[in-house]
Protein backbone atom coordinates (compact mmCIF):
# COMPACT_ATOMS: atom_id res chain seq x y z
CA MET A 1 0.26 -0.14 0.16
CA THR A 2 1.12 3.56 -0.36
CA ARG A 3 0.37 6.76 1.34
CA ASN A 4 -1.70 7.80 -1.15
CA GLU A 5 -3.50 4.78 -0.87
CA LEU A 6 -3.98 4.59 2.96
CA GLU A 7 -5.21 8.84 2.55
CA HIS A 8 -8.03 7.56 0.17
CA ILE A 9 -9.41 4.82 3.08
CA ILE A 10 -9.00 6.81 5.57
CA ARG A 11 -10.82 9.89 3.60
CA ALA A 12 -13.52 7.01 2.24
CA ALA A 13 -13.99 5.91 5.73
CA GLY A 14 -14.57 9.03 7.85
CA ALA A 15 -16.97 9.85 4.35
CA ILE A 16 -18.68 6.82 5.28
CA LEU A 17 -18.82 7.09 8.91
CA ASN A 18 -19.61 10.88 8.16
CA GLU A 19 -16.52 11.18 10.90
CA THR A 20 -13.60 13.48 11.30
CA SER A 21 -10.96 10.71 13.06
CA ILE A 22 -10.29 7.49 13.03
CA ILE A 23 -7.81 5.07 14.29
CA ILE A 24 -5.55 2.55 12.08
CA VAL A 25 -4.05 -0.34 13.65
CA GLY A 26 -3.12 -2.38 11.59
CA SER A 27 0.32 -2.62 9.59
CA GLN A 28 -0.37 0.23 6.96
CA ALA A 29 0.05 2.27 10.16
CA ILE A 30 3.50 2.17 9.23
CA LEU A 31 3.16 4.74 6.62
CA GLY A 32 2.70 7.64 8.67
CA LEU A 33 6.18 7.65 9.50
CA ALA A 34 8.39 10.67 8.12
CA ASP A 35 10.55 9.32 6.32
CA ALA A 36 7.97 6.78 5.12
CA ASP A 37 9.86 6.55 1.47
CA GLY A 38 12.16 4.24 3.11
CA LEU A 39 10.57 1.85 4.51
CA PRO A 40 11.45 -1.92 2.89
CA SER A 41 9.02 -3.48 0.95
CA GLU A 42 8.18 -6.05 2.63
CA VAL A 43 6.22 -3.25 5.19
CA THR A 44 3.96 -2.04 2.88
CA LEU A 45 2.83 -5.34 1.03
CA SER A 46 -0.56 -5.50 2.70
CA ILE A 47 -3.57 -4.29 0.74
CA GLU A 48 -5.85 -3.69 4.06
CA ALA A 49 -6.11 -0.86 6.39
CA ASP A 50 -7.39 -2.30 9.62
CA ILE A 51 -9.83 0.87 10.98
CA VAL A 52 -10.93 1.21 14.30
CA PRO A 53 -14.06 3.61 14.18
CA LEU A 54 -14.28 5.99 17.33
CA ASN A 55 -17.29 5.31 19.17
CA ASP A 56 -18.30 1.98 18.10
CA PRO A 57 -19.46 0.05 21.33
CA ASP A 58 -21.77 -2.30 19.01
CA GLU A 59 -19.08 -2.18 16.45
CA ARG A 60 -21.74 -1.37 14.02
CA LYS A 61 -18.98 1.60 12.27
CA ALA A 62 -16.77 -1.35 11.52
CA ASP A 63 -19.65 -3.82 10.03
CA LEU A 64 -19.92 -0.61 7.51
CA ILE A 65 -16.61 0.02 6.82
CA ASP A 66 -16.31 -3.86 6.18
CA GLY A 67 -19.70 -3.56 3.74
CA THR A 68 -18.81 -0.44 1.82
CA ILE A 69 -14.84 -0.15 1.51
CA GLY A 70 -14.10 -4.21 2.40
CA GLU A 71 -12.62 -6.84 0.79
CA GLY A 72 -14.07 -7.66 -1.91
CA SER A 73 -16.03 -4.46 -1.82
CA PRO A 74 -16.53 -2.60 -5.52
CA PHE A 75 -13.82 0.08 -3.93
CA HIS A 76 -11.41 -3.16 -3.49
CA GLU A 77 -12.05 -4.31 -7.16
CA THR A 78 -11.76 -0.29 -8.31
CA PHE A 79 -8.72 0.83 -6.31
CA HIS A 80 -7.34 -2.75 -5.30
CA VAL A 81 -6.65 -1.54 -1.30
CA TYR A 82 -9.52 -2.04 0.89
CA ALA A 83 -10.03 -1.11 4.61
CA GLN A 84 -11.15 -3.80 7.50
CA GLY A 85 -13.39 -2.77 10.52
CA VAL A 86 -12.21 -3.97 13.62
CA ASN A 87 -12.34 -3.34 17.11
CA ARG A 88 -10.26 -1.88 19.44
CA ASP A 89 -9.60 -5.53 21.30
CA THR A 90 -8.01 -6.52 17.78
CA SER A 91 -4.53 -6.30 18.61
CA ARG A 92 -2.62 -6.58 21.86
CA LEU A 93 -1.48 -2.98 22.26
CA PRO A 94 1.05 -1.92 25.25
CA HIS A 95 -0.40 -0.33 27.70
CA GLY A 96 -0.78 3.58 27.18
CA TRP A 97 -0.82 3.21 23.60
CA LYS A 98 -3.69 5.67 22.80
CA SER A 99 -1.57 8.54 24.65
CA ARG A 100 0.85 7.52 21.79
CA LEU A 101 -1.27 7.97 18.64
CA ILE A 102 0.06 9.89 15.76
CA ALA A 103 -2.12 12.19 14.02
CA TRP A 104 -1.59 11.50 10.74
CA ALA A 105 -4.37 14.29 8.52
CA THR A 106 -2.65 15.78 4.94
CA GLU A 107 -4.23 17.22 1.79
CA GLY A 108 -5.19 13.79 0.31
CA THR A 109 -7.38 13.08 3.70
CA LYS A 110 -9.72 16.13 3.10
CA GLY A 111 -10.30 16.66 6.63
CA VAL A 112 -10.36 13.30 8.33
CA THR A 113 -7.41 12.37 10.77
CA GLY A 114 -5.85 9.13 11.00
CA TRP A 115 -4.57 8.12 14.30
CA LEU A 116 -1.91 6.32 13.58
CA LEU A 117 -0.13 3.43 15.79
CA ASP A 118 2.94 4.66 17.29
CA PRO A 119 5.17 2.02 14.85
CA TYR A 120 7.21 0.45 18.94
CA ASP A 121 3.31 -0.03 19.94
CA LEU A 122 2.61 -1.33 15.79
CA VAL A 123 5.88 -3.68 16.00
CA VAL A 124 4.84 -5.17 19.84
CA ALA A 125 1.59 -5.84 18.67
CA LYS A 126 2.31 -7.80 15.45
CA TYR A 127 5.26 -9.82 17.28
CA LEU A 128 2.26 -10.49 19.73
CA ALA A 129 -0.10 -11.84 16.99
CA ASN A 130 2.96 -14.08 15.98
CA ARG A 131 2.15 -14.88 12.48
CA PRO A 132 4.27 -15.37 9.65
CA LYS A 133 3.77 -12.65 7.88
CA ASP A 134 3.70 -10.12 11.18
CA LEU A 135 7.01 -11.68 12.02
CA ASP A 136 8.49 -10.85 8.49
CA PHE A 137 7.33 -7.40 8.58
CA CYS A 138 8.86 -7.15 12.51
CA ARG A 139 12.01 -8.98 10.78
CA ALA A 140 12.26 -6.37 7.94
CA LEU A 141 11.97 -3.44 9.22
CA GLY A 142 14.79 -4.23 12.22
CA ARG A 143 16.61 -4.93 9.04
CA SER A 144 15.68 -0.87 7.97
CA GLY A 145 17.48 0.52 11.05
CA LEU A 146 14.58 2.82 11.07
CA LEU A 147 13.52 1.92 15.00
CA ASP A 148 15.28 1.83 18.24
CA ARG A 149 15.73 -1.27 19.89
CA GLU A 150 16.38 -0.07 22.97
CA THR A 151 12.64 2.28 22.53
CA LEU A 152 11.08 -1.45 21.39
CA LEU A 153 12.79 -3.53 24.42
CA GLU A 154 11.04 -0.13 26.75
CA ARG A 155 7.79 -0.64 24.76
CA MET A 156 7.68 -4.68 25.31
CA GLY A 157 7.69 -3.71 28.87
CA ALA A 158 4.44 -2.14 28.56
CA ALA A 159 3.07 -5.44 26.72
CA ASN A 160 -0.45 -6.79 28.19
CA CYS A 161 1.40 -10.47 28.15
CA THR A 162 2.43 -13.25 30.34
CA ASP A 163 5.78 -13.93 31.47
CA GLU A 164 6.60 -16.56 28.34
CA GLU A 165 5.16 -14.17 25.74
CA ARG A 166 7.63 -12.06 27.29
CA THR A 167 10.48 -14.37 27.63
CA LEU A 168 9.96 -15.02 23.31
CA LEU A 169 9.06 -11.64 22.62
CA LEU A 170 12.47 -10.08 24.05
CA HIS A 171 14.41 -12.99 21.68
CA LYS A 172 12.70 -12.00 18.35
CA ILE A 173 13.62 -8.04 19.11
CA GLN A 174 16.92 -8.96 19.65
CA ARG A 175 17.14 -11.36 17.06
CA ASP A 176 15.48 -8.83 14.68
CA PHE A 177 16.51 -5.31 15.96
CA HIS A 178 20.08 -4.97 15.96
CA LYS A 179 21.15 -2.21 18.92
CA THR A 180 22.12 1.60 17.30
């Protein structure tokens, strides 16, 4: 996914929900990095943006996103990217993640702010998801040198996980992220 495609999804989601703010919790939140042009291609492979609508206790807004710009929709068929409406519990995020969201409002989002996960919170969530594609994502970011291992280790300390998961997370971070 490109930054322009993410802007389009944010703009469309805002229009569908009649809201000026949404949260992006999936891998494509990484596109909000200031130096996104230097991202490894492996981290921009996804054609899906995970969107958490604000104030959606019954998840009707998430369903609306899925039905209008989700997988298999005319939007997806036309633009070859799509959004998935999700809830806040979809990703296992470190404590305090909301306070670290990054506001991303560009000319291309047309007045809708996409609140993007902080890259360190995103990587911790991806490690905890532990799917092959998530581990590939983390390894690629680790090789890129764009994120600092020490900050990532600190963020891992705020992760809501078992001691066993924390040990595995520590091993993966030390393997994938070189000390800077």
